[in-house]
Structures are given as C-alpha cells and as structure tokens.
Amino acid sequence: MNAVVERPLQPVFIALQLGDLARSIADAIVADNPTATVTDYPAMVKIEALGRLVIRRASVEERIGRDWDLQELHLSLISLSGSIDETDDEFCLHWG
C-alpha cells in the first residue's frame, strides 16, 4: 500500500514598493485572501500567505476607481516567492 504524504503548505509572498497604488493592491489582496498577512517596512509592503495568494484585477480596480491592467503590478514589484499563474484577470502565486 502506498501512503500519501501531505506536505505542509509553504508560504508565498509578494513585496511591493510602498506608494498609494501598492497600498490599494495590498488592501485588495487581503480582501480576497483572508489568511494573508501584511508587513509594512519603510519602503515596501510584503503580503504573505500559506500555499496560495491571488491578486484579482477587479478587486484592485474597485479600490483605485479606474481600469487597471495586471501588468501594472510589475511597476511596483520588488520581489515574490512562488510559482506564477497569470491571466488578464488574476495573478496567482502558489507552490505545487
């Protein structure tokens, strides 16, 4: 019999250069990922979650009050950890 070994969830994160847009993105991430934690640093904000983190275009647009292309995320991006799945509507970080 083969035993299924479950690996513990590994954290994923995204770090953004601090600014008004980054704060709105962080707020949208936390709204869509209730288990995410936010750590503020002097020049950046880091959002971390176990296993998976999703950034939804519609959630960011709701907070900034205008159309937002997910490619704009790269203007604030400092670093990230995890595998990336990206569509026009979602940017997802995950492991596995």
N, C-alpha and C. Protein backbone atom coordinates (compact mmCIF):
# COMPACT_ATOMS: atom_id res chain seq x y z
N MET A 1 0.84 -1.17 0.00
CA MET A 1 0.00 0.00 0.00
C MET A 1 0.89 1.24 0.00
N ASN A 2 0.57 2.20 -0.84
CA ASN A 2 1.32 3.44 -0.90
C ASN A 2 0.65 4.48 -0.03
N ALA A 3 1.41 5.05 0.86
CA ALA A 3 0.87 6.09 1.73
C ALA A 3 1.00 7.44 1.03
N VAL A 4 -0.03 8.24 1.16
CA VAL A 4 0.01 9.59 0.62
C VAL A 4 0.62 10.49 1.68
N VAL A 5 1.67 11.16 1.30
CA VAL A 5 2.35 12.06 2.23
C VAL A 5 1.95 13.48 1.88
N GLU A 6 1.33 14.14 2.82
CA GLU A 6 0.93 15.52 2.60
C GLU A 6 2.05 16.44 3.08
N ARG A 7 2.47 17.31 2.19
CA ARG A 7 3.49 18.28 2.57
C ARG A 7 2.81 19.49 3.20
N PRO A 8 3.44 20.06 4.21
CA PRO A 8 2.86 21.27 4.80
C PRO A 8 2.87 22.41 3.77
N LEU A 9 1.88 23.27 3.87
CA LEU A 9 1.82 24.40 2.95
C LEU A 9 3.01 25.33 3.18
N GLN A 10 3.63 25.72 2.10
CA GLN A 10 4.76 26.64 2.16
C GLN A 10 4.25 28.06 1.91
N PRO A 11 4.86 29.05 2.55
CA PRO A 11 4.40 30.42 2.34
C PRO A 11 4.79 30.95 0.96
N VAL A 12 3.92 31.75 0.39
CA VAL A 12 4.20 32.53 -0.81
C VAL A 12 4.10 33.99 -0.40
N PHE A 13 4.77 34.87 -1.13
CA PHE A 13 4.67 36.29 -0.80
C PHE A 13 4.90 37.15 -2.03
N ILE A 14 4.46 38.39 -1.90
CA ILE A 14 4.77 39.41 -2.88
C ILE A 14 5.16 40.66 -2.10
N ALA A 15 6.21 41.33 -2.54
CA ALA A 15 6.67 42.56 -1.91
C ALA A 15 6.56 43.68 -2.94
N LEU A 16 5.94 44.79 -2.52
CA LEU A 16 5.69 45.91 -3.41
C LEU A 16 6.34 47.18 -2.86
N GLN A 17 6.86 48.01 -3.77
CA GLN A 17 7.41 49.30 -3.37
C GLN A 17 6.27 50.15 -2.83
N LEU A 18 6.48 50.73 -1.67
CA LEU A 18 5.42 51.46 -0.99
C LEU A 18 4.97 52.68 -1.80
N GLY A 19 3.68 52.90 -1.82
CA GLY A 19 3.06 54.02 -2.51
C GLY A 19 1.56 53.83 -2.47
N ASP A 20 0.83 54.81 -2.99
CA ASP A 20 -0.64 54.73 -2.95
C ASP A 20 -1.16 53.51 -3.70
N LEU A 21 -0.61 53.23 -4.87
CA LEU A 21 -1.07 52.08 -5.64
C LEU A 21 -0.76 50.78 -4.91
N ALA A 22 0.44 50.67 -4.36
CA ALA A 22 0.82 49.46 -3.63
C ALA A 22 -0.10 49.23 -2.43
N ARG A 23 -0.47 50.28 -1.74
CA ARG A 23 -1.36 50.15 -0.59
C ARG A 23 -2.73 49.64 -1.05
N SER A 24 -3.22 50.15 -2.17
CA SER A 24 -4.51 49.69 -2.70
C SER A 24 -4.43 48.23 -3.14
N ILE A 25 -3.32 47.85 -3.76
CA ILE A 25 -3.13 46.45 -4.16
C ILE A 25 -3.10 45.56 -2.93
N ALA A 26 -2.38 45.98 -1.89
CA ALA A 26 -2.30 45.20 -0.65
C ALA A 26 -3.68 45.05 -0.02
N ASP A 27 -4.46 46.12 0.00
CA ASP A 27 -5.82 46.06 0.55
C ASP A 27 -6.69 45.08 -0.24
N ALA A 28 -6.55 45.09 -1.56
CA ALA A 28 -7.32 44.17 -2.40
C ALA A 28 -6.90 42.72 -2.15
N ILE A 29 -5.60 42.50 -2.00
CA ILE A 29 -5.10 41.15 -1.74
C ILE A 29 -5.66 40.61 -0.44
N VAL A 30 -5.62 41.42 0.60
CA VAL A 30 -6.13 40.98 1.91
C VAL A 30 -7.63 40.71 1.85
N ALA A 31 -8.37 41.52 1.12
CA ALA A 31 -9.81 41.31 0.99
C ALA A 31 -10.11 39.97 0.31
N ASP A 32 -9.30 39.61 -0.68
CA ASP A 32 -9.53 38.37 -1.43
C ASP A 32 -8.84 37.15 -0.82
N ASN A 33 -7.92 37.37 0.10
CA ASN A 33 -7.15 36.29 0.74
C ASN A 33 -7.16 36.52 2.25
N PRO A 34 -8.23 36.15 2.93
CA PRO A 34 -8.40 36.47 4.35
C PRO A 34 -7.28 35.97 5.27
N THR A 35 -6.54 34.95 4.86
CA THR A 35 -5.46 34.45 5.72
C THR A 35 -4.13 35.15 5.46
N ALA A 36 -4.10 36.06 4.51
CA ALA A 36 -2.86 36.77 4.19
C ALA A 36 -2.47 37.71 5.32
N THR A 37 -1.17 37.87 5.51
CA THR A 37 -0.66 38.82 6.49
C THR A 37 0.13 39.90 5.76
N VAL A 38 0.05 41.11 6.28
CA VAL A 38 0.74 42.25 5.68
C VAL A 38 1.79 42.74 6.66
N THR A 39 2.99 42.94 6.16
CA THR A 39 4.07 43.51 6.96
C THR A 39 4.54 44.78 6.26
N ASP A 40 4.48 45.89 7.00
CA ASP A 40 4.93 47.17 6.45
C ASP A 40 6.38 47.41 6.82
N TYR A 41 7.16 47.83 5.84
CA TYR A 41 8.55 48.21 6.02
C TYR A 41 8.67 49.66 5.58
N PRO A 42 9.80 50.33 5.86
CA PRO A 42 9.92 51.74 5.48
C PRO A 42 9.68 52.03 3.99
N ALA A 43 10.09 51.14 3.09
CA ALA A 43 9.95 51.43 1.66
C ALA A 43 9.16 50.38 0.90
N MET A 44 8.57 49.42 1.63
CA MET A 44 7.82 48.37 0.93
C MET A 44 6.75 47.78 1.82
N VAL A 45 5.85 47.06 1.19
CA VAL A 45 4.83 46.30 1.89
C VAL A 45 4.94 44.86 1.39
N LYS A 46 4.93 43.92 2.33
CA LYS A 46 5.05 42.50 1.99
C LYS A 46 3.76 41.80 2.41
N ILE A 47 3.17 41.07 1.47
CA ILE A 47 1.95 40.32 1.73
C ILE A 47 2.28 38.84 1.58
N GLU A 48 1.95 38.07 2.61
CA GLU A 48 2.33 36.66 2.66
C GLU A 48 1.12 35.80 3.02
N ALA A 49 1.08 34.59 2.48
CA ALA A 49 0.03 33.63 2.81
C ALA A 49 0.58 32.22 2.64
N LEU A 50 -0.04 31.29 3.32
CA LEU A 50 0.37 29.89 3.17
C LEU A 50 -0.26 29.30 1.91
N GLY A 51 0.57 28.73 1.06
CA GLY A 51 0.08 27.96 -0.08
C GLY A 51 -0.31 28.71 -1.33
N ARG A 52 -1.09 29.80 -1.19
CA ARG A 52 -1.65 30.45 -2.38
C ARG A 52 -2.02 31.90 -2.07
N LEU A 53 -1.78 32.76 -3.04
CA LEU A 53 -2.12 34.18 -2.91
C LEU A 53 -2.62 34.65 -4.28
N VAL A 54 -3.79 35.27 -4.32
CA VAL A 54 -4.39 35.70 -5.58
C VAL A 54 -4.58 37.21 -5.58
N ILE A 55 -4.18 37.84 -6.68
CA ILE A 55 -4.45 39.26 -6.89
C ILE A 55 -5.46 39.34 -8.02
N ARG A 56 -6.62 39.91 -7.74
CA ARG A 56 -7.69 40.00 -8.74
C ARG A 56 -7.80 41.42 -9.28
N ARG A 57 -7.79 41.53 -10.59
CA ARG A 57 -7.88 42.83 -11.26
C ARG A 57 -9.10 43.61 -10.78
N ALA A 58 -10.25 42.96 -10.72
CA ALA A 58 -11.49 43.64 -10.33
C ALA A 58 -11.41 44.21 -8.92
N SER A 59 -10.75 43.51 -8.01
CA SER A 59 -10.63 43.99 -6.63
C SER A 59 -9.75 45.23 -6.54
N VAL A 60 -8.68 45.25 -7.32
CA VAL A 60 -7.81 46.43 -7.33
C VAL A 60 -8.55 47.60 -7.97
N GLU A 61 -9.23 47.36 -9.09
CA GLU A 61 -9.98 48.43 -9.76
C GLU A 61 -11.01 49.05 -8.83
N GLU A 62 -11.65 48.22 -8.03
CA GLU A 62 -12.65 48.69 -7.07
C GLU A 62 -12.03 49.69 -6.09
N ARG A 63 -10.80 49.45 -5.70
CA ARG A 63 -10.15 50.30 -4.71
C ARG A 63 -9.52 51.55 -5.30
N ILE A 64 -9.05 51.47 -6.55
CA ILE A 64 -8.39 52.64 -7.13
C ILE A 64 -9.33 53.49 -8.00
N GLY A 65 -10.51 52.95 -8.30
CA GLY A 65 -11.51 53.73 -9.02
C GLY A 65 -11.23 53.94 -10.50
N ARG A 66 -10.46 53.04 -11.10
CA ARG A 66 -10.19 53.14 -12.54
C ARG A 66 -9.85 51.75 -13.08
N ASP A 67 -9.80 51.64 -14.41
CA ASP A 67 -9.36 50.40 -15.02
C ASP A 67 -7.91 50.15 -14.63
N TRP A 68 -7.57 48.89 -14.43
CA TRP A 68 -6.21 48.53 -14.02
C TRP A 68 -5.79 47.27 -14.75
N ASP A 69 -4.67 47.35 -15.44
CA ASP A 69 -4.11 46.20 -16.14
C ASP A 69 -3.17 45.49 -15.17
N LEU A 70 -3.30 44.19 -15.05
CA LEU A 70 -2.44 43.43 -14.13
C LEU A 70 -0.95 43.64 -14.42
N GLN A 71 -0.60 43.99 -15.64
CA GLN A 71 0.81 44.25 -15.96
C GLN A 71 1.35 45.44 -15.17
N GLU A 72 0.46 46.34 -14.71
CA GLU A 72 0.89 47.47 -13.89
C GLU A 72 1.48 47.01 -12.56
N LEU A 73 1.15 45.81 -12.15
CA LEU A 73 1.70 45.25 -10.92
C LEU A 73 3.23 45.27 -10.96
N HIS A 74 3.80 45.03 -12.13
CA HIS A 74 5.25 44.95 -12.27
C HIS A 74 5.94 46.29 -12.01
N LEU A 75 5.20 47.40 -12.09
CA LEU A 75 5.78 48.71 -11.80
C LEU A 75 6.10 48.88 -10.32
N SER A 76 5.40 48.17 -9.46
CA SER A 76 5.61 48.26 -8.01
C SER A 76 6.32 47.04 -7.44
N LEU A 77 6.48 46.00 -8.23
CA LEU A 77 7.00 44.73 -7.75
C LEU A 77 8.48 44.81 -7.37
N ILE A 78 8.78 44.37 -6.14
CA ILE A 78 10.16 44.26 -5.68
C ILE A 78 10.61 42.81 -5.74
N SER A 79 9.79 41.93 -5.18
CA SER A 79 10.16 40.52 -5.11
C SER A 79 8.91 39.68 -4.91
N LEU A 80 9.04 38.37 -5.19
CA LEU A 80 7.95 37.45 -4.92
C LEU A 80 8.51 36.07 -4.71
N SER A 81 7.70 35.22 -4.12
CA SER A 81 8.09 33.84 -3.87
C SER A 81 6.91 32.94 -4.22
N GLY A 82 7.14 31.99 -5.12
CA GLY A 82 6.10 31.06 -5.54
C GLY A 82 6.08 30.94 -7.04
N SER A 83 5.34 29.97 -7.51
CA SER A 83 5.11 29.81 -8.94
C SER A 83 4.01 30.77 -9.35
N ILE A 84 4.07 31.25 -10.58
CA ILE A 84 3.12 32.27 -11.05
C ILE A 84 2.18 31.67 -12.09
N ASP A 85 0.89 31.91 -11.90
CA ASP A 85 -0.13 31.68 -12.93
C ASP A 85 -0.78 33.03 -13.16
N GLU A 86 -0.79 33.49 -14.40
CA GLU A 86 -1.29 34.83 -14.68
C GLU A 86 -2.26 34.81 -15.86
N THR A 87 -3.40 35.48 -15.67
CA THR A 87 -4.36 35.70 -16.75
C THR A 87 -4.60 37.21 -16.82
N ASP A 88 -5.53 37.62 -17.66
CA ASP A 88 -5.88 39.05 -17.72
C ASP A 88 -6.58 39.50 -16.45
N ASP A 89 -7.16 38.56 -15.70
CA ASP A 89 -7.97 38.90 -14.53
C ASP A 89 -7.35 38.54 -13.19
N GLU A 90 -6.37 37.64 -13.17
CA GLU A 90 -5.79 37.19 -11.90
C GLU A 90 -4.29 36.95 -12.02
N PHE A 91 -3.61 37.24 -10.93
CA PHE A 91 -2.19 36.93 -10.77
C PHE A 91 -2.13 36.05 -9.54
N CYS A 92 -1.73 34.80 -9.71
CA CYS A 92 -1.77 33.83 -8.61
C CYS A 92 -0.37 33.32 -8.30
N LEU A 93 0.01 33.36 -7.03
CA LEU A 93 1.25 32.77 -6.54
C LEU A 93 0.90 31.51 -5.78
N HIS A 94 1.64 30.44 -6.00
CA HIS A 94 1.35 29.18 -5.32
C HIS A 94 2.57 28.29 -5.39
N TRP A 95 2.56 27.21 -4.64
CA TRP A 95 3.58 26.16 -4.73
C TRP A 95 2.88 24.88 -5.14
N GLY A 96 3.48 24.17 -6.06
CA GLY A 96 2.96 22.86 -6.43
C GLY A 96 2.14 22.80 -7.66
